[in-house]
Amino acid sequence: NMQSRGHNVWGEIYPYNAGCTTLNAVFLNHEIWVEGLGHRYEDTLQDAITGEFFTKEKRDEMLKTEPTRLVVVYKIGEEAVVDWLKFKGCAVASDAMPIYDDTINWDTPFDKLPNNH
C-alpha cells in the first residue's frame, strides 16, 4: 500500500450500519428495498422521530401525507461495522445529524436529548 512506501495517504470510513434519509427515497420503494434487496421494512425502516418501525402499509399511508418524513435505514449488520474498524490506514469519520421534534430547543440539557447516548 501507499503508506508502507512512505506516502502520507489515509482513507476514511463511516462505521455505522444505518443512515438517514426521507421516506420517499427511491431506493426504499418496495420493488427495490424489499423484493430486490431482500430487506423487511419492519426490521430496517425506522421513523426518526417516534422510533417506530414501518410496515409496508404504514409506509404507503405516510407517503400520502408526509413523503419527506425523516427515517433511519438499517442497511448492513453490526458485524460489518466491527470489521471496518480493523482497516489499517483509515480514520473514523461521521456525518451524523441530530433529529429532534418541536419539543427540543437550544436550552435543552444534553442528558435530556433523545438518542444521543
Protein backbone atom coordinates (compact mmCIF):
# COMPACT_ATOMS: atom_id res chain seq x y z
CA ASN A 1 0.00 0.00 0.00
CA MET A 2 0.99 3.65 -0.38
CA GLN A 3 1.58 4.19 3.36
CA SER A 4 4.13 1.38 3.51
CA ARG A 5 6.06 3.19 0.76
CA GLY A 6 6.24 6.40 2.82
CA HIS A 7 3.30 8.30 1.38
CA ASN A 8 1.03 10.22 3.75
CA VAL A 9 -2.21 8.75 2.44
CA TRP A 10 -5.23 7.98 4.58
CA GLY A 11 -8.73 6.75 3.99
CA GLU A 12 -11.83 7.45 5.98
CA ILE A 13 -14.69 5.20 6.89
CA TYR A 14 -18.13 5.94 8.22
CA PRO A 15 -18.60 2.91 10.51
CA TYR A 16 -22.31 2.70 11.02
CA ASN A 17 -24.92 0.27 9.92
CA ALA A 18 -27.65 2.87 9.42
CA GLY A 19 -28.22 6.14 7.64
CA CYS A 20 -30.86 8.83 7.50
CA THR A 21 -32.96 9.83 4.50
CA THR A 22 -36.54 10.66 3.64
CA LEU A 23 -39.38 8.17 3.43
CA ASN A 24 -39.83 8.80 -0.30
CA ALA A 25 -36.25 7.89 -1.23
CA VAL A 26 -36.47 5.86 -4.45
CA PHE A 27 -34.30 3.01 -3.16
CA LEU A 28 -36.88 2.42 -0.39
CA ASN A 29 -39.62 1.56 -2.90
CA HIS A 30 -41.00 -1.91 -2.17
CA GLU A 31 -39.81 -3.29 -5.51
CA ILE A 32 -36.21 -2.29 -4.76
CA TRP A 33 -35.80 -2.45 -0.97
CA VAL A 34 -37.93 -5.50 -0.20
CA GLU A 35 -38.25 -7.51 -3.41
CA GLY A 36 -34.89 -6.65 -4.95
CA LEU A 37 -32.60 -6.41 -1.91
CA GLY A 38 -34.47 -8.72 0.44
CA HIS A 39 -34.96 -6.28 3.33
CA ARG A 40 -38.04 -6.01 5.54
CA TYR A 41 -39.43 -2.60 6.49
CA GLU A 42 -40.27 -3.95 9.95
CA ASP A 43 -36.55 -4.52 10.64
CA THR A 44 -34.84 -1.81 8.62
CA LEU A 45 -37.02 1.30 8.21
CA GLN A 46 -37.47 3.34 11.38
CA ASP A 47 -39.32 6.62 11.95
CA ALA A 48 -36.59 9.04 13.09
CA ILE A 49 -38.92 10.91 15.44
CA THR A 50 -41.05 8.19 17.03
CA GLY A 51 -38.56 5.32 16.84
CA GLU A 52 -41.24 3.00 15.47
CA PHE A 53 -40.50 0.72 12.54
CA PHE A 54 -42.63 0.89 9.40
CA THR A 55 -44.71 -1.82 7.80
CA LYS A 56 -45.49 -1.68 4.09
CA GLU A 57 -48.99 -0.44 4.88
CA LYS A 58 -47.80 2.24 7.31
CA ARG A 59 -45.15 3.44 4.82
CA ASP A 60 -47.68 3.61 1.97
CA GLU A 61 -50.05 5.64 4.16
CA MET A 62 -47.32 8.02 5.38
CA LEU A 63 -46.12 8.58 1.80
CA LYS A 64 -49.51 10.14 1.06
CA THR A 65 -49.40 12.56 4.00
CA GLU A 66 -45.71 13.17 4.75
CA PRO A 67 -43.45 11.84 1.97
CA THR A 68 -40.35 13.66 3.20
CA ARG A 69 -40.55 12.36 6.78
CA LEU A 70 -37.10 11.55 8.10
CA VAL A 71 -36.34 7.86 8.51
CA VAL A 72 -33.43 5.80 9.72
CA VAL A 73 -32.50 2.99 7.34
CA TYR A 74 -30.55 -0.02 8.68
CA LYS A 75 -28.51 -1.27 5.75
CA ILE A 76 -25.96 -3.78 6.99
CA GLY A 77 -25.29 -5.92 10.05
CA GLU A 78 -23.34 -4.62 13.03
CA GLU A 79 -20.65 -7.25 12.46
CA ALA A 80 -19.59 -5.40 9.29
CA VAL A 81 -19.01 -2.23 11.31
CA VAL A 82 -16.58 -4.08 13.58
CA ASP A 83 -14.71 -5.37 10.51
CA TRP A 84 -14.46 -1.84 9.05
CA LEU A 85 -12.85 -0.57 12.25
CA LYS A 86 -9.98 -3.01 11.66
CA PHE A 87 -8.91 -1.38 8.36
CA LYS A 88 -5.32 -0.21 8.60
CA GLY A 89 -4.67 3.35 7.49
CA CYS A 90 -8.22 4.57 7.87
CA ALA A 91 -9.66 7.22 10.13
CA VAL A 92 -13.17 7.05 11.52
CA ALA A 93 -15.47 9.84 10.34
CA SER A 94 -19.11 10.76 10.78
CA ASP A 95 -21.71 12.85 9.06
CA ALA A 96 -24.37 12.06 11.65
CA MET A 97 -27.12 14.58 12.14
CA PRO A 98 -29.32 15.08 15.19
CA ILE A 99 -33.03 14.71 14.63
CA TYR A 100 -35.43 16.36 17.05
CA ASP A 101 -39.07 17.23 17.19
CA ASP A 102 -40.56 20.58 18.27
CA THR A 103 -40.00 19.89 21.98
CA ILE A 104 -36.22 20.37 21.74
CA ASN A 105 -34.65 23.83 21.84
CA TRP A 106 -31.19 25.34 22.42
CA ASP A 107 -31.69 25.36 26.20
CA THR A 108 -32.40 21.62 26.47
CA PRO A 109 -29.75 19.93 28.69
CA PHE A 110 -27.63 17.29 26.93
CA ASP A 111 -28.89 14.47 29.16
CA LYS A 112 -32.46 15.28 28.07
CA LEU A 113 -31.71 14.91 24.34
CA PRO A 114 -33.09 11.69 22.85
CA ASN A 115 -30.97 9.08 21.05
CA ASN A 116 -27.61 10.71 21.78
CA HIS A 117 -26.16 8.36 24.36
